Amino acid sequence: MEHRQHPRFPVQFRSSFSSANIISGEGKLGDLSIRGCRIFSDADVKPGTTLRLQVNVSRQQPPIQITQAVARWCRDGSFGLEFVSLSPEEWARLQQVVKELELEPYQRAASSNDAA
């Protein structure tokens, strides 16, 4: 059984990615954690490939920019990324998204109602 250091959350965020080796594409980001994610895409991304990743968390905010993510595996139309480098501002945004995902669904609903 695999043991993960950071919990992963099932999400469906639009994402786009590119590399210096002219690999680029779009996909659905799933299984988000504070240190990585899974991207569902038809792109052929080999393990070890370094990518720049944009994550569209909401329509109200610009995408989170991951300046460096490394592909750790690729299979069945998806690949796993480890986040290596983010600016402090983008790191704070990612932490906020994960923090919100950690809340129970009823807590998220209550927070949304409080903000309205």
PDB file of N, CA and C in Angstrom:
ATOM      1  N   MET A   1       0.839  -1.188   0.000  1.00  0.00           N
ATOM      2  CA  MET A   1       0.000   0.000   0.000  1.00  0.00           C
ATOM      3  C   MET A   1       0.877   1.242   0.000  1.00  0.00           C
ATOM      4  N   GLU A   2       0.525   2.193  -0.861  1.00  0.00           N
ATOM      5  CA  GLU A   2       1.304   3.421  -0.990  1.00  0.00           C
ATOM      6  C   GLU A   2       0.928   4.408   0.114  1.00  0.00           C
ATOM      7  N   HIS A   3       1.914   5.023   0.719  1.00  0.00           N
ATOM      8  CA  HIS A   3       1.678   6.019   1.761  1.00  0.00           C
ATOM      9  C   HIS A   3       2.131   7.377   1.249  1.00  0.00           C
ATOM     10  N   ARG A   4       1.210   8.321   1.209  1.00  0.00           N
ATOM     11  CA  ARG A   4       1.536   9.662   0.722  1.00  0.00           C
ATOM     12  C   ARG A   4       1.828  10.578   1.897  1.00  0.00           C
ATOM     13  N   GLN A   5       2.764  11.475   1.670  1.00  0.00           N
ATOM     14  CA  GLN A   5       3.134  12.424   2.710  1.00  0.00           C
ATOM     15  C   GLN A   5       2.076  13.520   2.865  1.00  0.00           C
ATOM     16  N   HIS A   6       1.427  13.887   1.741  1.00  0.00           N
ATOM     17  CA  HIS A   6       0.426  14.954   1.758  1.00  0.00           C
ATOM     18  C   HIS A   6      -0.877  14.423   1.186  1.00  0.00           C
ATOM     19  N   PRO A   7      -2.012  14.760   1.809  1.00  0.00           N
ATOM     20  CA  PRO A   7      -3.293  14.272   1.293  1.00  0.00           C
ATOM     21  C   PRO A   7      -3.581  14.837  -0.099  1.00  0.00           C
ATOM     22  N   ARG A   8      -4.246  14.035  -0.911  1.00  0.00           N
ATOM     23  CA  ARG A   8      -4.654  14.458  -2.253  1.00  0.00           C
ATOM     24  C   ARG A   8      -6.154  14.653  -2.264  1.00  0.00           C
ATOM     25  N   PHE A   9      -6.598  15.629  -3.046  1.00  0.00           N
ATOM     26  CA  PHE A   9      -8.015  15.958  -3.107  1.00  0.00           C
ATOM     27  C   PHE A   9      -8.513  15.831  -4.535  1.00  0.00           C
ATOM     28  N   PRO A  10      -9.643  15.151  -4.734  1.00  0.00           N
ATOM     29  CA  PRO A  10     -10.188  15.017  -6.091  1.00  0.00           C
ATOM     30  C   PRO A  10     -10.755  16.365  -6.556  1.00  0.00           C
ATOM     31  N   VAL A  11     -10.196  16.911  -7.603  1.00  0.00           N
ATOM     32  CA  VAL A  11     -10.646  18.180  -8.173  1.00  0.00           C
ATOM     33  C   VAL A  11     -10.708  18.030  -9.683  1.00  0.00           C
ATOM     34  N   GLN A  12     -11.305  18.990 -10.338  1.00  0.00           N
ATOM     35  CA  GLN A  12     -11.318  19.021 -11.795  1.00  0.00           C
ATOM     36  C   GLN A  12     -11.084  20.464 -12.238  1.00  0.00           C
ATOM     37  N   PHE A  13      -9.822  20.891 -12.178  1.00  0.00           N
ATOM     38  CA  PHE A  13      -9.443  22.233 -12.605  1.00  0.00           C
ATOM     39  C   PHE A  13      -8.871  22.155 -14.014  1.00  0.00           C
ATOM     40  N   ARG A  14      -9.204  23.132 -14.832  1.00  0.00           N
ATOM     41  CA  ARG A  14      -8.560  23.216 -16.150  1.00  0.00           C
ATOM     42  C   ARG A  14      -7.102  23.587 -15.931  1.00  0.00           C
ATOM     43  N   SER A  15      -6.240  23.057 -16.782  1.00  0.00           N
ATOM     44  CA  SER A  15      -4.823  23.378 -16.665  1.00  0.00           C
ATOM     45  C   SER A  15      -4.190  23.416 -18.039  1.00  0.00           C
ATOM     46  N   SER A  16      -3.059  24.099 -18.131  1.00  0.00           N
ATOM     47  CA  SER A  16      -2.245  24.075 -19.344  1.00  0.00           C
ATOM     48  C   SER A  16      -0.800  23.957 -18.905  1.00  0.00           C
ATOM     49  N   PHE A  17       0.027  23.395 -19.790  1.00  0.00           N
ATOM     50  CA  PHE A  17       1.413  23.152 -19.436  1.00  0.00           C
ATOM     51  C   PHE A  17       2.287  23.294 -20.663  1.00  0.00           C
ATOM     52  N   SER A  18       3.562  23.576 -20.420  1.00  0.00           N
ATOM     53  CA  SER A  18       4.532  23.687 -21.512  1.00  0.00           C
ATOM     54  C   SER A  18       5.920  23.416 -20.956  1.00  0.00           C
ATOM     55  N   SER A  19       6.846  23.090 -21.883  1.00  0.00           N
ATOM     56  CA  SER A  19       8.227  22.849 -21.487  1.00  0.00           C
ATOM     57  C   SER A  19       9.155  23.484 -22.506  1.00  0.00           C
ATOM     58  N   ALA A  20      10.422  23.526 -22.153  1.00  0.00           N
ATOM     59  CA  ALA A  20      11.436  24.053 -23.068  1.00  0.00           C
ATOM     60  C   ALA A  20      11.597  23.133 -24.275  1.00  0.00           C
ATOM     61  N   ASN A  21      11.182  21.879 -24.154  1.00  0.00           N
ATOM     62  CA  ASN A  21      11.311  20.903 -25.239  1.00  0.00           C
ATOM     63  C   ASN A  21      10.105  20.901 -26.180  1.00  0.00           C
ATOM     64  N   ILE A  22       9.359  21.967 -26.195  1.00  0.00           N
ATOM     65  CA  ILE A  22       8.222  22.166 -27.090  1.00  0.00           C
ATOM     66  C   ILE A  22       7.053  21.227 -26.780  1.00  0.00           C
ATOM     67  N   ILE A  23       7.043  20.610 -25.623  1.00  0.00           N
ATOM     68  CA  ILE A  23       5.856  19.876 -25.190  1.00  0.00           C
ATOM     69  C   ILE A  23       4.897  20.902 -24.616  1.00  0.00           C
ATOM     70  N   SER A  24       3.673  20.854 -25.075  1.00  0.00           N
ATOM     71  CA  SER A  24       2.663  21.733 -24.493  1.00  0.00           C
ATOM     72  C   SER A  24       1.310  21.075 -24.654  1.00  0.00           C
ATOM     73  N   GLY A  25       0.380  21.503 -23.855  1.00  0.00           N
ATOM     74  CA  GLY A  25      -0.951  20.940 -23.951  1.00  0.00           C
ATOM     75  C   GLY A  25      -1.856  21.466 -22.864  1.00  0.00           C
ATOM     76  N   GLU A  26      -3.057  20.922 -22.868  1.00  0.00           N
ATOM     77  CA  GLU A  26      -4.047  21.255 -21.859  1.00  0.00           C
ATOM     78  C   GLU A  26      -4.571  19.965 -21.269  1.00  0.00           C
ATOM     79  N   GLY A  27      -5.152  20.073 -20.100  1.00  0.00           N
ATOM     80  CA  GLY A  27      -5.707  18.893 -19.470  1.00  0.00           C
ATOM     81  C   GLY A  27      -6.555  19.249 -18.279  1.00  0.00           C
ATOM     82  N   LYS A  28      -7.059  18.231 -17.640  1.00  0.00           N
ATOM     83  CA  LYS A  28      -7.806  18.386 -16.393  1.00  0.00           C
ATOM     84  C   LYS A  28      -6.897  17.999 -15.251  1.00  0.00           C
ATOM     85  N   LEU A  29      -6.766  18.888 -14.289  1.00  0.00           N
ATOM     86  CA  LEU A  29      -5.960  18.611 -13.113  1.00  0.00           C
ATOM     87  C   LEU A  29      -6.832  17.882 -12.104  1.00  0.00           C
ATOM     88  N   GLY A  30      -6.329  16.775 -11.581  1.00  0.00           N
ATOM     89  CA  GLY A  30      -7.044  16.025 -10.553  1.00  0.00           C
ATOM     90  C   GLY A  30      -6.087  15.616  -9.463  1.00  0.00           C
ATOM     91  N   ASP A  31      -6.603  15.095  -8.387  1.00  0.00           N
ATOM     92  CA  ASP A  31      -5.774  14.599  -7.280  1.00  0.00           C
ATOM     93  C   ASP A  31      -4.742  15.627  -6.846  1.00  0.00           C
ATOM     94  N   LEU A  32      -5.199  16.804  -6.484  1.00  0.00           N
ATOM     95  CA  LEU A  32      -4.303  17.889  -6.081  1.00  0.00           C
ATOM     96  C   LEU A  32      -3.821  17.712  -4.650  1.00  0.00           C
ATOM     97  N   SER A  33      -2.532  17.938  -4.446  1.00  0.00           N
ATOM     98  CA  SER A  33      -1.970  18.029  -3.092  1.00  0.00           C
ATOM     99  C   SER A  33      -1.103  19.285  -3.056  1.00  0.00           C
ATOM    100  N   ILE A  34      -0.571  19.577  -1.897  1.00  0.00           N
ATOM    101  CA  ILE A  34       0.268  20.757  -1.747  1.00  0.00           C
ATOM    102  C   ILE A  34       1.591  20.597  -2.506  1.00  0.00           C
ATOM    103  N   ARG A  35       1.974  19.376  -2.840  1.00  0.00           N
ATOM    104  CA  ARG A  35       3.249  19.121  -3.494  1.00  0.00           C
ATOM    105  C   ARG A  35       3.153  18.561  -4.909  1.00  0.00           C
ATOM    106  N   GLY A  36       1.926  18.312  -5.391  1.00  0.00           N
ATOM    107  CA  GLY A  36       1.819  17.754  -6.731  1.00  0.00           C
ATOM    108  C   GLY A  36       0.390  17.525  -7.155  1.00  0.00           C
ATOM    109  N   CYS A  37       0.240  16.889  -8.327  1.00  0.00           N
ATOM    110  CA  CYS A  37      -1.085  16.636  -8.863  1.00  0.00           C
ATOM    111  C   CYS A  37      -1.016  15.578  -9.955  1.00  0.00           C
ATOM    112  N   ARG A  38      -2.175  15.203 -10.434  1.00  0.00           N
ATOM    113  CA  ARG A  38      -2.303  14.356 -11.617  1.00  0.00           C
ATOM    114  C   ARG A  38      -2.952  15.214 -12.692  1.00  0.00           C
ATOM    115  N   ILE A  39      -2.442  15.084 -13.922  1.00  0.00           N
ATOM    116  CA  ILE A  39      -3.026  15.773 -15.071  1.00  0.00           C
ATOM    117  C   ILE A  39      -3.574  14.711 -16.021  1.00  0.00           C
ATOM    118  N   PHE A  40      -4.837  14.835 -16.381  1.00  0.00           N
ATOM    119  CA  PHE A  40      -5.444  13.968 -17.382  1.00  0.00           C
ATOM    120  C   PHE A  40      -5.318  14.672 -18.726  1.00  0.00           C
ATOM    121  N   SER A  41      -4.541  14.081 -19.640  1.00  0.00           N
ATOM    122  CA  SER A  41      -4.272  14.713 -20.929  1.00  0.00           C
ATOM    123  C   SER A  41      -3.801  13.656 -21.926  1.00  0.00           C
ATOM    124  N   ASP A  42      -4.007  13.942 -23.202  1.00  0.00           N
ATOM    125  CA  ASP A  42      -3.518  13.061 -24.260  1.00  0.00           C
ATOM    126  C   ASP A  42      -2.054  13.345 -24.604  1.00  0.00           C
ATOM    127  N   ALA A  43      -1.474  14.393 -24.026  1.00  0.00           N
ATOM    128  CA  ALA A  43      -0.081  14.742 -24.329  1.00  0.00           C
ATOM    129  C   ALA A  43       0.853  13.632 -23.871  1.00  0.00           C
ATOM    130  N   ASP A  44       1.906  13.413 -24.628  1.00  0.00           N
ATOM    131  CA  ASP A  44       2.904  12.393 -24.309  1.00  0.00           C
ATOM    132  C   ASP A  44       4.008  13.026 -23.468  1.00  0.00           C
ATOM    133  N   VAL A  45       3.856  12.980 -22.165  1.00  0.00           N
ATOM    134  CA  VAL A  45       4.826  13.571 -21.235  1.00  0.00           C
ATOM    135  C   VAL A  45       5.604  12.438 -20.583  1.00  0.00           C
ATOM    136  N   LYS A  46       6.900  12.446 -20.777  1.00  0.00           N
ATOM    137  CA  LYS A  46       7.774  11.404 -20.233  1.00  0.00           C
ATOM    138  C   LYS A  46       8.193  11.729 -18.801  1.00  0.00           C
ATOM    139  N   PRO A  47       8.346  10.692 -17.957  1.00  0.00           N
ATOM    140  CA  PRO A  47       8.879  10.939 -16.611  1.00  0.00           C
ATOM    141  C   PRO A  47      10.216  11.667 -16.691  1.00  0.00           C
ATOM    142  N   GLY A  48      10.399  12.638 -15.798  1.00  0.00           N
ATOM    143  CA  GLY A  48      11.614  13.440 -15.779  1.00  0.00           C
ATOM    144  C   GLY A  48      11.484  14.760 -16.517  1.00  0.00           C
ATOM    145  N   THR A  49      10.403  14.910 -17.308  1.00  0.00           N
ATOM    146  CA  THR A  49      10.186  16.152 -18.049  1.00  0.00           C
ATOM    147  C   THR A  49       9.833  17.281 -17.088  1.00  0.00           C
ATOM    148  N   THR A  50      10.463  18.428 -17.269  1.00  0.00           N
ATOM    149  CA  THR A  50      10.165  19.614 -16.471  1.00  0.00           C
ATOM    150  C   THR A  50       9.162  20.477 -17.228  1.00  0.00           C
ATOM    151  N   LEU A  51       8.088  20.851 -16.540  1.00  0.00           N
ATOM    152  CA  LEU A  51       7.016  21.635 -17.155  1.00  0.00           C
ATOM    153  C   LEU A  51       6.735  22.897 -16.364  1.00  0.00           C
ATOM    154  N   ARG A  52       6.173  23.868 -17.062  1.00  0.00           N
ATOM    155  CA  ARG A  52       5.562  25.045 -16.444  1.00  0.00           C
ATOM    156  C   ARG A  52       4.067  24.765 -16.481  1.00  0.00           C
ATOM    157  N   LEU A  53       3.372  24.978 -15.375  1.00  0.00           N
ATOM    158  CA  LEU A  53       1.969  24.605 -15.256  1.00  0.00           C
ATOM    159  C   LEU A  53       1.119  25.798 -14.840  1.00  0.00           C
ATOM    160  N   GLN A  54      -0.034  25.947 -15.478  1.00  0.00           N
ATOM    161  CA  GLN A  54      -1.018  26.950 -15.085  1.00  0.00           C
ATOM    162  C   GLN A  54      -2.276  26.215 -14.645  1.00  0.00           C
ATOM    163  N   VAL A  55      -2.771  26.560 -13.457  1.00  0.00           N
ATOM    164  CA  VAL A  55      -3.944  25.897 -12.892  1.00  0.00           C
ATOM    165  C   VAL A  55      -5.064  26.914 -12.758  1.00  0.00           C
ATOM    166  N   ASN A  56      -6.161  26.660 -13.451  1.00  0.00           N
ATOM    167  CA  ASN A  56      -7.332  27.543 -13.403  1.00  0.00           C
ATOM    168  C   ASN A  56      -8.260  27.066 -12.294  1.00  0.00           C
ATOM    169  N   VAL A  57      -8.121  27.677 -11.123  1.00  0.00           N
ATOM    170  CA  VAL A  57      -8.909  27.281  -9.961  1.00  0.00           C
ATOM    171  C   VAL A  57     -10.304  27.883 -10.011  1.00  0.00           C
ATOM    172  N   SER A  58     -10.409  29.119 -10.497  1.00  0.00           N
ATOM    173  CA  SER A  58     -11.714  29.778 -10.604  1.00  0.00           C
ATOM    174  C   SER A  58     -11.680  30.793 -11.740  1.00  0.00           C
ATOM    175  N   ARG A  59     -12.853  31.183 -12.165  1.00  0.00           N
ATOM    176  CA  ARG A  59     -12.942  32.182 -13.237  1.00  0.00           C
ATOM    177  C   ARG A  59     -12.688  33.595 -12.722  1.00  0.00           C
ATOM    178  N   GLN A  60     -12.799  33.772 -11.406  1.00  0.00           N
ATOM    179  CA  GLN A  60     -12.624  35.099 -10.815  1.00  0.00           C
ATOM    180  C   GLN A  60     -11.160  35.464 -10.584  1.00  0.00           C
ATOM    181  N   GLN A  61     -10.256  34.487 -10.635  1.00  0.00           N
ATOM    182  CA  GLN A  61      -8.856  34.741 -10.343  1.00  0.00           C
ATOM    183  C   GLN A  61      -7.979  34.256 -11.490  1.00  0.00           C
ATOM    184  N   PRO A  62      -6.814  34.873 -11.664  1.00  0.00           N
ATOM    185  CA  PRO A  62      -5.889  34.372 -12.694  1.00  0.00           C
ATOM    186  C   PRO A  62      -5.370  32.989 -12.302  1.00  0.00           C
ATOM    187  N   PRO A  63      -4.895  32.216 -13.287  1.00  0.00           N
ATOM    188  CA  PRO A  63      -4.392  30.874 -12.982  1.00  0.00           C
ATOM    189  C   PRO A  63      -3.206  30.914 -12.014  1.00  0.00           C
ATOM    190  N   ILE A  64      -3.108  29.879 -11.184  1.00  0.00           N
ATOM    191  CA  ILE A  64      -1.919  29.697 -10.348  1.00  0.00           C
ATOM    192  C   ILE A  64      -0.798  29.250 -11.269  1.00  0.00           C
ATOM    193  N   GLN A  65       0.358  29.886 -11.149  1.00  0.00           N
ATOM    194  CA  GLN A  65       1.514  29.601 -12.000  1.00  0.00           C
ATOM    195  C   GLN A  65       2.524  28.752 -11.229  1.00  0.00           C
ATOM    196  N   ILE A  66       2.706  27.527 -11.674  1.00  0.00           N
ATOM    197  CA  ILE A  66       3.749  26.670 -11.121  1.00  0.00           C
ATOM    198  C   ILE A  66       4.921  26.793 -12.095  1.00  0.00           C
ATOM    199  N   THR A  67       5.997  27.447 -11.679  1.00  0.00           N
ATOM    200  CA  THR A  67       7.088  27.723 -12.614  1.00  0.00           C
ATOM    201  C   THR A  67       7.891  26.477 -12.966  1.00  0.00           C
ATOM    202  N   GLN A  68       7.907  25.496 -12.063  1.00  0.00           N
ATOM    203  CA  GLN A  68       8.639  24.266 -12.369  1.00  0.00           C
ATOM    204  C   GLN A  68       7.948  23.085 -11.688  1.00  0.00           C
ATOM    205  N   ALA A  69       7.531  22.122 -12.523  1.00  0.00           N
ATOM    206  CA  ALA A  69       6.959  20.868 -12.034  1.00  0.00           C
ATOM    207  C   ALA A  69       7.610  19.733 -12.828  1.00  0.00           C
ATOM    208  N   VAL A  70       7.914  18.640 -12.164  1.00  0.00           N
ATOM    209  CA  VAL A  70       8.586  17.515 -12.811  1.00  0.00           C
ATOM    210  C   VAL A  70       7.626  16.334 -12.904  1.00  0.00           C
ATOM    211  N   ALA A  71       7.517  15.781 -14.118  1.00  0.00           N
ATOM    212  CA  ALA A  71       6.691  14.591 -14.323  1.00  0.00           C
ATOM    213  C   ALA A  71       7.362  13.406 -13.640  1.00  0.00           C
ATOM    214  N   ARG A  72       6.633  12.711 -12.786  1.00  0.00           N
ATOM    215  CA  ARG A  72       7.174  11.560 -12.060  1.00  0.00           C
ATOM    216  C   ARG A  72       6.713  10.238 -12.656  1.00  0.00           C
ATOM    217  N   TRP A  73       5.558  10.222 -13.328  1.00  0.00           N
ATOM    218  CA  TRP A  73       5.053   9.011 -13.973  1.00  0.00           C
ATOM    219  C   TRP A  73       4.074   9.408 -15.075  1.00  0.00           C
ATOM    220  N   CYS A  74       3.815   8.467 -15.970  1.00  0.00           N
ATOM    221  CA  CYS A  74       2.869   8.679 -17.068  1.00  0.00           C
ATOM    222  C   CYS A  74       2.221   7.342 -17.411  1.00  0.00           C
ATOM    223  N   ARG A  75       0.882   7.291 -17.415  1.00  0.00           N
ATOM    224  CA  ARG A  75       0.166   6.071 -17.797  1.00  0.00           C
ATOM    225  C   ARG A  75      -1.315   6.363 -18.024  1.00  0.00           C
ATOM    226  N   ASP A  76      -1.879   5.616 -18.954  1.00  0.00           N
ATOM    227  CA  ASP A  76      -3.322   5.622 -19.194  1.00  0.00           C
ATOM    228  C   ASP A  76      -3.918   7.022 -19.365  1.00  0.00           C
ATOM    229  N   GLY A  77      -3.292   7.865 -20.169  1.00  0.00           N
ATOM    230  CA  GLY A  77      -3.850   9.188 -20.437  1.00  0.00           C
ATOM    231  C   GLY A  77      -3.717  10.191 -19.313  1.00  0.00           C
ATOM    232  N   SER A  78      -2.786   9.952 -18.409  1.00  0.00           N
ATOM    233  CA  SER A  78      -2.543  10.924 -17.339  1.00  0.00           C
ATOM    234  C   SER A  78      -1.080  10.854 -16.919  1.00  0.00           C
ATOM    235  N   PHE A  79      -0.642  11.888 -16.214  1.00  0.00           N
ATOM    236  CA  PHE A  79       0.719  11.902 -15.678  1.00  0.00           C
ATOM    237  C   PHE A  79       0.729  12.626 -14.344  1.00  0.00           C
ATOM    238  N   GLY A  80       1.702  12.266 -13.507  1.00  0.00           N
ATOM    239  CA  GLY A  80       1.825  12.858 -12.182  1.00  0.00           C
ATOM    240  C   GLY A  80       2.936  13.884 -12.157  1.00  0.00           C
ATOM    241  N   LEU A  81       2.653  15.017 -11.531  1.00  0.00           N
ATOM    242  CA  LEU A  81       3.639  16.087 -11.408  1.00  0.00           C
ATOM    243  C   LEU A  81       3.981  16.345  -9.956  1.00  0.00           C
ATOM    244  N   GLU A  82       5.252  16.595  -9.711  1.00  0.00           N
ATOM    245  CA  GLU A  82       5.716  17.084  -8.415  1.00  0.00           C
ATOM    246  C   GLU A  82       6.031  18.564  -8.591  1.00  0.00           C
ATOM    247  N   PHE A  83       5.461  19.405  -7.726  1.00  0.00           N
ATOM    248  CA  PHE A  83       5.724  20.841  -7.799  1.00  0.00           C
ATOM    249  C   PHE A  83       7.101  21.114  -7.202  1.00  0.00           C
ATOM    250  N   VAL A  84       7.969  21.761  -7.991  1.00  0.00           N
ATOM    251  CA  VAL A  84       9.340  22.014  -7.566  1.00  0.00           C
ATOM    252  C   VAL A  84       9.562  23.484  -7.229  1.00  0.00           C
ATOM    253  N   SER A  85       8.981  24.384  -8.033  1.00  0.00           N
ATOM    254  CA  SER A  85       9.264  25.802  -7.846  1.00  0.00           C
ATOM    255  C   SER A  85       8.030  26.654  -8.122  1.00  0.00           C
ATOM    256  N   LEU A  86       7.717  27.515  -7.147  1.00  0.00           N
ATOM    257  CA  LEU A  86       6.636  28.497  -7.263  1.00  0.00           C
ATOM    258  C   LEU A  86       7.118  29.788  -6.634  1.00  0.00           C
ATOM    259  N   SER A  87       6.600  30.914  -7.089  1.00  0.00           N
ATOM    260  CA  SER A  87       6.917  32.179  -6.424  1.00  0.00           C
ATOM    261  C   SER A  87       6.215  32.179  -5.063  1.00  0.00           C
ATOM    262  N   PRO A  88       6.674  33.003  -4.127  1.00  0.00           N
ATOM    263  CA  PRO A  88       6.011  33.059  -2.813  1.00  0.00           C
ATOM    264  C   PRO A  88       4.518  33.390  -2.915  1.00  0.00           C
ATOM    265  N   GLU A  89       4.158  34.260  -3.841  1.00  0.00           N
ATOM    266  CA  GLU A  89       2.744  34.630  -4.004  1.00  0.00           C
ATOM    267  C   GLU A  89       1.922  33.445  -4.501  1.00  0.00           C
ATOM    268  N   GLU A  90       2.452  32.709  -5.475  1.00  0.00           N
ATOM    269  CA  GLU A  90       1.732  31.556  -6.020  1.00  0.00           C
ATOM    270  C   GLU A  90       1.680  30.423  -4.994  1.00  0.00           C
ATOM    271  N   TRP A  91       2.738  30.269  -4.216  1.00  0.00           N
ATOM    272  CA  TRP A  91       2.764  29.272  -3.146  1.00  0.00           C
ATOM    273  C   TRP A  91       1.646  29.560  -2.144  1.00  0.00           C
ATOM    274  N   ALA A  92       1.485  30.826  -1.770  1.00  0.00           N
ATOM    275  CA  ALA A  92       0.424  31.205  -0.827  1.00  0.00           C
ATOM    276  C   ALA A  92      -0.957  30.907  -1.418  1.00  0.00           C
ATOM    277  N   ARG A  93      -1.135  31.174  -2.707  1.00  0.00           N
ATOM    278  CA  ARG A  93      -2.419  30.889  -3.362  1.00  0.00           C
ATOM    279  C   ARG A  93      -2.704  29.385  -3.372  1.00  0.00           C
ATOM    280  N   LEU A  94      -1.696  28.577  -3.686  1.00  0.00           N
ATOM    281  CA  LEU A  94      -1.866  27.127  -3.692  1.00  0.00           C
ATOM    282  C   LEU A  94      -2.212  26.618  -2.290  1.00  0.00           C
ATOM    283  N   GLN A  95      -1.516  27.116  -1.294  1.00  0.00           N
ATOM    284  CA  GLN A  95      -1.804  26.713   0.088  1.00  0.00           C
ATOM    285  C   GLN A  95      -3.243  27.051   0.464  1.00  0.00           C
ATOM    286  N   GLN A  96      -3.741  28.204   0.024  1.00  0.00           N
ATOM    287  CA  GLN A  96      -5.115  28.604   0.327  1.00  0.00           C
ATOM    288  C   GLN A  96      -6.117  27.655  -0.333  1.00  0.00           C
ATOM    289  N   VAL A  97      -5.866  27.281  -1.579  1.00  0.00           N
ATOM    290  CA  VAL A  97      -6.757  26.353  -2.279  1.00  0.00           C
ATOM    291  C   VAL A  97      -6.806  25.013  -1.546  1.00  0.00           C
ATOM    292  N   VAL A  98      -5.646  24.482  -1.179  1.00  0.00           N
ATOM    293  CA  VAL A  98      -5.592  23.193  -0.481  1.00  0.00           C
ATOM    294  C   VAL A  98      -6.255  23.300   0.881  1.00  0.00           C
ATOM    295  N   LYS A  99      -6.048  24.413   1.564  1.00  0.00           N
ATOM    296  CA  LYS A  99      -6.674  24.615   2.877  1.00  0.00           C
ATOM    297  C   LYS A  99      -8.194  24.572   2.741  1.00  0.00           C
ATOM    298  N   GLU A 100      -8.728  25.211   1.714  1.00  0.00           N
ATOM    299  CA  GLU A 100     -10.180  25.191   1.485  1.00  0.00           C
ATOM    300  C   GLU A 100     -10.665  23.785   1.152  1.00  0.00           C
ATOM    301  N   LEU A 101      -9.871  23.021   0.408  1.00  0.00           N
ATOM    302  CA  LEU A 101     -10.253  21.647   0.071  1.00  0.00           C
ATOM    303  C   LEU A 101     -10.247  20.736   1.304  1.00  0.00           C
ATOM    304  N   GLU A 102      -9.419  21.068   2.286  1.00  0.00           N
ATOM    305  CA  GLU A 102      -9.347  20.265   3.507  1.00  0.00           C
ATOM    306  C   GLU A 102     -10.591  20.411   4.368  1.00  0.00           C
ATOM    307  N   LEU A 103     -11.300  21.513   4.213  1.00  0.00           N
ATOM    308  CA  LEU A 103     -12.515  21.721   4.990  1.00  0.00           C
ATOM    309  C   LEU A 103     -13.566  20.701   4.576  1.00  0.00           C
ATOM    310  N   GLU A 104     -14.375  20.295   5.520  1.00  0.00           N
ATOM    311  CA  GLU A 104     -15.484  19.404   5.187  1.00  0.00           C
ATOM    312  C   GLU A 104     -16.444  20.158   4.263  1.00  0.00           C
ATOM    313  N   PRO A 105     -17.171  19.451   3.418  1.00  0.00           N
ATOM    314  CA  PRO A 105     -18.094  20.125   2.486  1.00  0.00           C
ATOM    315  C   PRO A 105     -19.078  21.060   3.180  1.00  0.00           C
ATOM    316  N   TYR A 106     -19.577  20.675   4.343  1.00  0.00           N
ATOM    317  CA  TYR A 106     -20.521  21.552   5.032  1.00  0.00           C
ATOM    318  C   TYR A 106     -19.841  22.824   5.522  1.00  0.00           C
ATOM    319  N   GLN A 107     -18.537  22.748   5.849  1.00  0.00           N
ATOM    320  CA  GLN A 107     -17.814  23.943   6.272  1.00  0.00           C
ATOM    321  C   GLN A 107     -17.597  24.878   5.089  1.00  0.00           C
ATOM    322  N   ARG A 108     -17.316  24.295   3.902  1.00  0.00           N
ATOM    323  CA  ARG A 108     -17.164  25.119   2.703  1.00  0.00           C
ATOM    324  C   ARG A 108     -18.470  25.824   2.400  1.00  0.00           C
ATOM    325  N   ALA A 109     -19.587  25.107   2.499  1.00  0.00           N
ATOM    326  CA  ALA A 109     -20.903  25.696   2.220  1.00  0.00           C
ATOM    327  C   ALA A 109     -21.204  26.816   3.210  1.00  0.00           C
ATOM    328  N   ALA A 110     -20.883  26.576   4.502  1.00  0.00           N
ATOM    329  CA  ALA A 110     -21.131  27.606   5.509  1.00  0.00           C
ATOM    330  C   ALA A 110     -20.259  28.835   5.240  1.00  0.00           C
ATOM    331  N   SER A 111     -19.008  28.635   4.845  1.00  0.00           N
ATOM    332  CA  SER A 111     -18.125  29.752   4.547  1.00  0.00           C
ATOM    333  C   SER A 111     -18.645  30.536   3.358  1.00  0.00           C
ATOM    334  N   SER A 112     -19.148  29.851   2.345  1.00  0.00           N
ATOM    335  CA  SER A 112     -19.686  30.527   1.159  1.00  0.00           C
ATOM    336  C   SER A 112     -20.915  31.341   1.527  1.00  0.00           C
ATOM    337  N   ASN A 113     -21.756  30.787   2.399  1.00  0.00           N
ATOM    338  CA  ASN A 113     -22.959  31.513   2.813  1.00  0.00           C
ATOM    339  C   ASN A 113     -22.593  32.731   3.649  1.00  0.00           C
ATOM    340  N   ASP A 114     -21.563  32.633   4.472  1.00  0.00           N
ATOM    341  CA  ASP A 114     -21.127  33.760   5.286  1.00  0.00           C
ATOM    342  C   ASP A 114     -20.600  34.893   4.401  1.00  0.00           C
ATOM    343  N   ALA A 115     -19.949  34.548   3.298  1.00  0.00           N
ATOM    344  CA  ALA A 115     -19.375  35.552   2.418  1.00  0.00           C
ATOM    345  C   ALA A 115     -20.437  36.237   1.583  1.00  0.00           C
ATOM    346  N   ALA A 116     -21.582  35.607   1.416  1.00  0.00           N
ATOM    347  CA  ALA A 116     -22.649  36.160   0.563  1.00  0.00           C
ATOM    348  C   ALA A 116     -23.422  37.253   1.235  1.00  0.00           C
TER     349      ALA A 116
END
